[in-house]
Protein backbone atom coordinates (compact mmCIF):
# COMPACT_ATOMS: atom_id res chain seq x y z
CA MET A 1 72.82 108.50 126.38
CA ALA A 2 74.72 111.72 125.69
CA HIS A 3 76.51 112.05 122.36
CA LEU A 4 79.58 114.23 122.09
CA PRO A 5 79.76 116.84 119.34
CA GLN A 6 82.23 116.44 116.50
CA ILE A 7 85.61 118.07 116.71
CA LYS A 8 86.92 120.23 113.90
CA ILE A 9 90.54 120.29 112.78
CA ALA A 10 92.21 122.70 110.40
CA ALA A 11 93.00 120.78 107.23
CA THR A 12 93.65 121.16 103.52
CA TYR A 13 92.48 118.77 100.84
CA MET A 14 95.10 118.68 98.08
CA ARG A 15 95.90 116.97 94.84
CA GLY A 16 99.52 116.04 94.39
CA GLY A 17 100.43 114.35 91.11
CA THR A 18 97.83 111.66 90.46
CA SER A 19 96.82 111.35 94.13
CA LYS A 20 94.66 113.27 96.60
CA GLY A 21 94.95 113.49 100.37
CA VAL A 22 94.07 115.38 103.53
CA PHE A 23 96.96 117.54 104.77
CA PHE A 24 97.43 118.59 108.38
CA ARG A 25 99.90 120.74 110.25
CA LEU A 26 101.13 118.64 113.16
CA ASP A 27 100.33 121.40 115.65
CA ASP A 28 96.71 121.53 114.46
CA LEU A 29 96.01 117.91 115.39
CA PRO A 30 94.41 117.11 118.77
CA ALA A 31 97.07 116.60 121.45
CA ALA A 32 96.60 112.82 121.55
CA ALA A 33 97.15 112.61 117.79
CA GLN A 34 100.31 114.71 117.72
CA THR A 35 102.39 111.63 118.55
CA PRO A 36 102.38 108.27 116.75
CA GLY A 37 100.02 105.66 118.09
CA ALA A 38 96.48 104.35 118.27
CA ALA A 39 94.85 107.77 118.84
CA ARG A 40 96.46 109.24 115.71
CA ASP A 41 95.57 106.22 113.59
CA ALA A 42 91.97 106.17 114.83
CA LEU A 43 91.52 109.87 114.03
CA LEU A 44 92.95 109.60 110.53
CA MET A 45 90.86 106.54 109.74
CA ARG A 46 87.72 108.36 110.89
CA VAL A 47 88.60 111.42 108.80
CA ILE A 48 89.10 109.28 105.69
CA GLY A 49 86.10 107.03 106.40
CA SER A 50 87.77 103.71 107.19
CA PRO A 51 87.43 100.87 107.77
CA ASP A 52 84.52 100.59 105.37
CA PRO A 53 83.18 97.09 104.60
CA TYR A 54 81.30 98.65 101.68
CA GLY A 55 84.60 99.84 100.19
CA LYS A 56 83.23 103.31 99.36
CA GLN A 57 84.43 105.59 102.20
CA ILE A 58 81.13 107.48 101.95
CA ASP A 59 81.39 108.68 105.58
CA GLY A 60 84.76 110.35 105.15
CA MET A 61 87.13 112.23 102.89
CA GLY A 62 88.57 109.18 101.13
CA GLY A 63 87.77 108.36 97.53
CA ALA A 64 87.77 104.56 97.87
CA THR A 65 90.96 104.03 95.86
CA SER A 66 94.60 103.70 96.87
CA SER A 67 95.23 107.09 95.23
CA THR A 68 92.67 108.91 97.36
CA SER A 69 92.86 107.19 100.77
CA LYS A 70 95.80 109.23 101.99
CA THR A 71 96.80 111.53 104.83
CA VAL A 72 99.80 113.82 105.33
CA ILE A 73 101.20 115.47 108.47
CA ILE A 74 103.65 118.37 108.06
CA SER A 75 105.71 120.19 110.68
CA ARG A 76 108.69 122.50 110.84
CA SER A 77 111.89 120.50 110.81
CA SER A 78 114.55 120.61 113.50
CA ARG A 79 116.84 118.61 111.23
CA PRO A 80 119.74 120.70 109.88
CA GLY A 81 119.41 121.64 106.22
CA HIS A 82 115.67 120.91 106.06
CA ASP A 83 112.60 123.12 106.17
CA VAL A 84 109.84 120.66 107.00
CA ASP A 85 109.22 117.09 108.11
CA TYR A 86 106.71 115.16 106.01
CA LEU A 87 104.92 112.08 107.32
CA PHE A 88 102.64 110.06 105.05
CA GLY A 89 99.85 107.71 106.17
CA GLN A 90 98.23 105.33 103.67
CA VAL A 91 94.82 104.53 105.13
CA SER A 92 93.46 101.07 104.42
CA ILE A 93 90.03 101.21 102.86
CA ASP A 94 88.44 98.10 104.32
CA LYS A 95 90.71 97.29 107.26
CA ALA A 96 91.40 99.14 110.49
CA PHE A 97 94.96 100.28 110.04
CA VAL A 98 97.13 103.06 108.69
CA ASP A 99 100.27 101.94 106.83
CA TRP A 100 103.27 104.14 107.69
CA SER A 101 105.83 101.94 105.91
CA GLY A 102 106.50 104.11 102.86
CA ASN A 103 106.26 107.45 101.12
CA CYS A 104 103.79 108.76 98.54
CA GLY A 105 105.76 110.22 95.65
CA ASN A 106 102.75 111.90 94.12
CA LEU A 107 101.70 113.73 97.27
CA SER A 108 105.35 114.71 97.73
CA ALA A 109 104.64 117.32 95.04
CA ALA A 110 102.06 118.98 97.29
CA VAL A 111 104.24 119.09 100.42
CA GLY A 112 106.29 122.12 99.35
CA PRO A 113 103.28 124.18 98.25
CA PHE A 114 101.39 123.29 101.43
CA ALA A 115 104.36 124.07 103.66
CA ILE A 116 104.85 127.50 102.10
CA SER A 117 101.16 128.40 102.25
CA ALA A 118 100.92 127.16 105.85
CA GLY A 119 103.80 129.37 106.95
CA LEU A 120 106.11 126.47 107.75
CA VAL A 121 108.93 127.70 105.49
CA ASP A 122 110.98 130.72 106.58
CA ALA A 123 109.89 133.81 104.67
CA GLU A 124 113.41 134.60 103.50
CA ARG A 125 113.47 131.30 101.60
CA VAL A 126 110.43 132.26 99.51
CA PRO A 127 111.12 134.73 96.67
CA ARG A 128 108.61 137.31 95.52
CA ASP A 129 108.72 135.73 92.09
CA GLY A 130 110.62 132.68 90.91
CA ILE A 131 111.26 129.25 92.40
CA ALA A 132 111.26 128.43 96.10
CA ILE A 133 113.47 125.51 97.09
CA VAL A 134 111.79 123.53 99.86
CA ARG A 135 113.97 120.98 101.64
CA ILE A 136 111.74 118.16 102.85
CA TRP A 137 112.63 115.39 105.29
CA GLN A 138 110.55 112.35 104.36
CA ALA A 139 110.07 110.87 107.82
CA ASN A 140 108.64 107.49 106.77
CA ILE A 141 111.80 106.40 104.97
CA GLY A 142 114.36 108.85 106.32
CA LYS A 143 115.18 110.54 103.03
CA THR A 144 115.48 114.06 101.63
CA ILE A 145 113.23 115.42 98.87
CA ILE A 146 113.93 118.78 97.24
CA ALA A 147 110.84 120.49 95.83
CA HIS A 148 111.07 123.34 93.33
CA VAL A 149 107.88 125.34 93.88
CA PRO A 150 106.90 128.19 91.51
CA ILE A 151 106.08 131.47 93.27
CA THR A 152 104.20 134.44 91.79
CA ASP A 153 103.59 137.67 93.75
CA GLY A 154 104.85 135.99 96.92
CA ALA A 155 102.33 133.13 96.77
CA VAL A 156 102.47 129.57 95.51
CA GLN A 157 101.56 129.45 91.82
CA GLU A 158 99.12 126.59 91.22
CA THR A 159 97.84 127.30 87.71
CA GLY A 160 99.94 126.69 84.63
CA ASP A 161 100.27 124.72 81.44
CA PHE A 162 102.15 121.66 82.71
CA GLU A 163 100.27 118.53 81.68
CA LEU A 164 100.50 115.24 83.56
CA ASP A 165 98.92 112.08 82.18
CA GLY A 166 96.40 110.83 84.71
CA VAL A 167 95.39 114.39 85.70
CA THR A 168 92.61 116.00 83.69
CA PHE A 169 93.63 119.66 83.82
CA PRO A 170 97.01 121.41 83.43
CA ALA A 171 98.65 123.15 86.38
CA ALA A 172 101.98 124.62 87.48
CA GLU A 173 104.98 122.31 87.32
CA VAL A 174 106.65 121.22 90.57
CA ALA A 175 110.01 119.54 90.00
CA LEU A 176 111.09 117.00 92.60
CA GLU A 177 114.50 115.61 93.42
CA PHE A 178 114.51 112.42 95.47
CA MET A 179 117.98 112.41 97.03
CA ASP A 180 119.78 109.10 97.61
CA PRO A 181 116.47 107.32 97.03
CA ALA A 182 117.51 103.78 98.03
CA ALA A 183 114.94 103.07 100.72
CA GLU A 184 116.22 102.17 104.17
CA GLU A 185 113.77 99.42 104.99
CA GLU A 186 113.92 97.41 108.20
CA GLY A 187 115.35 94.00 107.44
CA ALA A 188 116.77 95.15 104.10
CA GLY A 189 119.89 96.72 105.59
CA GLY A 190 119.44 99.85 103.51
CA ALA A 191 120.70 98.02 100.42
CA MET A 192 119.28 99.02 97.07
CA PHE A 193 119.18 95.35 96.07
CA PRO A 194 118.45 93.52 99.34
CA THR A 195 119.06 90.07 97.83
CA GLY A 196 122.41 91.20 96.46
CA ASN A 197 121.30 90.48 92.90
CA LEU A 198 120.05 92.63 90.03
CA VAL A 199 117.80 89.75 88.95
CA ASP A 200 116.58 86.84 91.06
CA ASP A 201 114.67 83.66 90.35
CA LEU A 202 111.61 84.26 92.51
CA GLU A 203 109.68 81.07 93.22
CA VAL A 204 105.98 81.76 93.65
CA PRO A 205 103.75 78.76 94.42
CA GLY A 206 100.94 78.44 91.90
CA VAL A 207 102.58 80.97 89.60
CA GLY A 208 106.03 79.61 88.81
CA THR A 209 109.60 80.83 88.96
CA LEU A 210 109.82 84.43 87.79
CA LYS A 211 112.78 86.57 86.80
CA ALA A 212 112.45 89.46 89.24
CA THR A 213 114.31 92.65 90.08
CA MET A 214 113.66 93.50 93.72
CA ILE A 215 114.79 97.02 94.51
CA ASN A 216 114.61 99.51 97.38
CA ALA A 217 114.52 102.90 95.67
CA GLY A 218 111.74 105.39 96.23
CA ILE A 219 109.68 102.50 97.56
CA PRO A 220 110.44 98.76 97.75
CA THR A 221 109.30 97.33 94.42
CA ILE A 222 109.22 93.88 92.82
CA PHE A 223 109.53 94.05 89.03
CA VAL A 224 108.61 91.01 86.90
CA GLU A 225 108.21 90.45 83.17
CA ALA A 226 104.66 90.91 81.87
CA GLU A 227 104.94 87.99 79.47
CA ALA A 228 105.97 85.60 82.26
CA ILE A 229 102.65 86.16 84.07
CA GLY A 230 100.42 86.20 80.99
CA TYR A 231 100.23 89.91 80.22
CA THR A 232 101.42 92.28 77.49
CA GLY A 233 102.07 95.43 79.53
CA THR A 234 99.31 97.30 77.66
CA GLU A 235 96.58 96.41 80.18
CA LEU A 236 94.25 99.01 81.68
CA GLN A 237 92.68 98.82 85.13
CA ASP A 238 89.61 96.72 84.31
CA ALA A 239 91.69 93.95 82.78
CA ILE A 240 93.28 93.31 86.18
CA ASN A 241 90.93 94.73 88.79
CA SER A 242 87.88 92.85 87.53
CA ASP A 243 89.74 89.52 87.78
CA PRO A 244 89.86 88.16 91.37
CA LYS A 245 92.28 85.41 90.35
CA ALA A 246 94.68 87.98 88.90
CA LEU A 247 94.53 90.08 92.07
CA ALA A 248 95.21 87.01 94.20
CA LYS A 249 98.16 86.11 91.97
CA PHE A 250 99.72 89.54 92.35
CA GLU A 251 99.26 89.43 96.11
CA THR A 252 101.00 86.05 96.22
CA ILE A 253 103.90 87.45 94.16
CA ARG A 254 104.04 90.44 96.50
CA ALA A 255 104.14 88.27 99.62
CA HIS A 256 106.92 86.00 98.36
CA GLY A 257 108.90 88.98 97.07
CA ALA A 258 108.56 90.78 100.41
CA LEU A 259 109.85 87.67 102.15
CA ARG A 260 112.88 87.49 99.85
CA MET A 261 113.56 91.20 100.36
CA GLY A 262 113.56 90.80 104.13
CA LEU A 263 110.62 93.14 104.57
CA ILE A 264 108.58 90.47 106.37
CA LYS A 265 109.61 87.36 108.29
CA HIS A 266 106.48 85.30 107.65
CA LEU A 267 104.11 85.29 104.68
CA ASP A 268 101.05 86.09 106.79
CA GLU A 269 102.60 89.44 107.79
CA ILE A 270 101.88 90.79 104.31
CA ALA A 271 98.22 91.33 105.25
CA THR A 272 99.22 94.16 107.59
CA ARG A 273 101.58 95.76 105.09
CA GLN A 274 99.41 96.88 102.18
CA HIS A 275 101.43 99.91 101.07
CA THR A 276 104.81 98.20 100.60
CA PRO A 277 106.30 96.55 98.68
CA LYS A 278 104.79 97.33 95.29
CA VAL A 279 104.55 94.83 92.43
CA ALA A 280 105.00 95.98 88.84
CA PHE A 281 105.23 94.20 85.51
CA VAL A 282 107.22 95.48 82.55
CA ALA A 283 107.30 94.91 78.82
CA LYS A 284 109.00 96.25 75.72
CA PRO A 285 107.28 99.17 73.92
CA ALA A 286 104.00 98.53 72.11
CA ASP A 287 101.11 100.62 70.81
CA TYR A 288 98.06 100.93 73.09
CA VAL A 289 95.18 103.25 73.89
CA ALA A 290 95.36 104.87 77.34
CA SER A 291 92.37 105.07 79.67
CA SER A 292 91.62 108.61 78.45
CA GLY A 293 91.44 107.41 74.84
CA LYS A 294 94.85 108.88 74.07
CA GLN A 295 96.92 106.86 71.59
CA VAL A 296 100.31 105.87 72.98
CA ARG A 297 102.73 104.73 70.30
CA ALA A 298 105.58 102.33 70.85
CA ALA A 299 107.89 105.00 69.50
CA ASP A 300 106.81 107.36 72.32
CA VAL A 301 108.16 105.22 75.15
CA ASP A 302 111.18 103.17 76.20
CA LEU A 303 109.12 100.49 77.93
CA LEU A 304 105.70 99.72 79.39
CA VAL A 305 105.02 99.44 83.12
CA ARG A 306 101.92 98.53 85.08
CA ALA A 307 101.98 98.67 88.88
CA MET A 308 99.80 97.37 91.70
CA SER A 309 98.93 99.58 94.66
CA MET A 310 96.91 98.51 97.70
CA GLY A 311 95.83 95.34 95.90
CA LYS A 312 94.64 96.99 92.67
CA LEU A 313 96.20 98.05 89.37
CA HIS A 314 97.04 101.75 89.69
CA HIS A 315 95.28 104.11 87.28
CA ALA A 316 98.58 105.79 86.37
CA MET A 317 101.85 105.37 88.29
CA MET A 318 102.75 105.92 91.92
CA GLY A 319 105.44 108.59 92.21
CA THR A 320 107.62 106.44 94.43
CA ALA A 321 107.31 103.54 92.00
CA ALA A 322 108.35 105.91 89.22
CA VAL A 323 111.53 106.56 91.22
CA ALA A 324 112.06 102.80 91.41
CA ILE A 325 111.49 102.51 87.65
CA GLY A 326 113.93 105.29 86.85
CA THR A 327 116.54 103.84 89.19
CA ALA A 328 116.20 100.28 87.91
CA ALA A 329 116.22 101.49 84.29
CA ALA A 330 119.54 103.27 84.92
CA ILE A 331 121.24 100.06 86.08
CA SER A 332 122.25 97.76 83.24
CA GLY A 333 120.92 94.23 83.56
CA THR A 334 117.80 94.71 85.66
CA VAL A 335 114.44 93.47 84.40
CA VAL A 336 113.40 97.10 83.89
CA ASN A 337 116.60 98.05 82.08
CA LEU A 338 116.35 95.06 79.73
CA ALA A 339 112.72 95.87 78.88
CA ALA A 340 113.92 99.37 77.97
CA GLY A 341 116.53 97.96 75.59
CA GLY A 342 119.47 97.58 77.97
CA GLY A 343 122.59 99.72 78.26
CA GLU A 344 123.26 102.74 80.42
CA ARG A 345 120.77 105.60 80.62
CA GLU A 346 120.01 108.59 82.84
CA SER A 347 116.32 108.89 82.01
CA VAL A 348 113.46 106.75 80.82
CA ARG A 349 109.98 107.42 79.47
CA PHE A 350 107.52 104.67 80.23
CA GLY A 351 103.93 103.97 79.29
CA HIS A 352 101.34 103.47 82.06
CA PRO A 353 97.53 103.07 81.96
CA SER A 354 96.90 106.83 81.75
CA GLY A 355 99.67 107.74 79.32
CA THR A 356 103.40 108.33 79.68
CA LEU A 357 105.84 109.65 82.26
CA ARG A 358 109.51 110.58 82.15
CA VAL A 359 111.79 110.05 85.15
CA GLY A 360 115.52 110.53 85.47
CA ALA A 361 118.07 108.85 87.74
CA GLN A 362 121.82 109.08 88.20
CA ALA A 363 123.33 105.68 89.05
CA SER A 364 126.93 104.56 89.60
CA ARG A 365 128.93 101.83 91.32
CA LYS A 366 130.70 102.61 94.58
CA ASP A 367 132.80 99.98 96.37
CA GLY A 368 131.10 97.32 94.28
CA GLU A 369 127.59 98.44 95.21
CA TRP A 370 125.11 100.34 93.07
CA VAL A 371 124.19 103.79 94.35
CA VAL A 372 121.83 106.41 92.97
CA THR A 373 122.52 110.00 93.97
CA LYS A 374 119.07 111.24 93.02
CA ALA A 375 115.98 110.60 90.94
CA ILE A 376 114.19 113.48 89.24
CA MET A 377 110.65 113.95 87.97
CA SER A 378 108.01 116.62 87.62
CA ARG A 379 104.45 116.61 88.99
CA SER A 380 101.91 119.28 89.81
CA ALA A 381 99.81 120.10 92.86
CA ARG A 382 96.76 122.12 93.74
CA VAL A 383 94.66 123.00 96.78
CA LEU A 384 91.16 121.61 96.28
CA MET A 385 89.60 122.73 99.56
CA GLU A 386 90.78 124.25 102.80
CA GLY A 387 89.23 124.96 106.17
CA TRP A 388 88.31 122.34 108.75
CA VAL A 389 87.61 118.66 108.60
CA ARG A 390 85.17 117.31 111.18
CA ALA A 391 85.29 113.96 112.94
CA PRO A 392 83.45 112.36 115.88
CA GLN A 393 85.46 112.46 119.08
CA GLN A 394 87.35 109.26 119.79
CA GLY A 395 86.39 107.39 122.94
């Protein structure tokens, strides 16, 4: 039996925020993978090393966590007022599918730098020194992201002294503006609060009736009170991820929340939608020790947040969930806002397992509905490796 040689595809392995992923230019993909469909999904899964029943992704580029099982496809944009189109694929670790239902806020920080370095941004938009403004169309959710990318001697500046909890080493700061971040999810009608309420009584069999804020901003997110589900908001990963009953409880909350939000029509559909919605639990400020050993004081934060991603407690905070946190915190009366002390605010600093993060949001009421013009936060990004990724040819 003849065995075909592997194919090689130009690719860049990048860190963006607290995530890592394999970045491709659309035109560099094999012809069959340049359009959405089974061939594209199969290729990306093989590149990442999924599905892997061992849960390790040894035979691929993935790192066996939700933060490292990611792919990005970038192309020049034909949309007026935008430089590039950005498509994000969250690759399941143990199942054979790629979830295209949402964005990755962390990897959003790497899109501008990648696009500039890959020659996808017009040269006249990149200064010799200063800040390049990259206008990104986030194709998964149909939203605009503005990236402020530092440039030195005509090239993307990656090194710097900006520190981000959850990332070991400092790097150059990339400021991001998520414009009109209310997610336009199918079944949710594009509403920021798809149920029409800032807080709902969410009935979850086997768990109880929870006060929940269900919001579409950045990424669909279900916020509940930590105390109501037996937590303090100071938990680190092992406290949740080593407890199968806890993981099952969060997945049940996620399924029933998704149903209420109109994101799924039947509970069993949640199994094929791992990336969205997210579930997070919030609490008032308290002292705790972060996963790095750093002491976080109650006085350093406005509230505590812990979030689930792909069935596990995230090691820091998803960028899109941070947008949801900032948005919900800005709207008086939400579960997030109340945990932060209530009232109106345009920014919030929250504690997560790796430390703290500040995110800003500008919210107002328009025709009786809440709208957020933009959410703002800073991340960093860096090229880890570039060249070609190899994968067996697909049959």
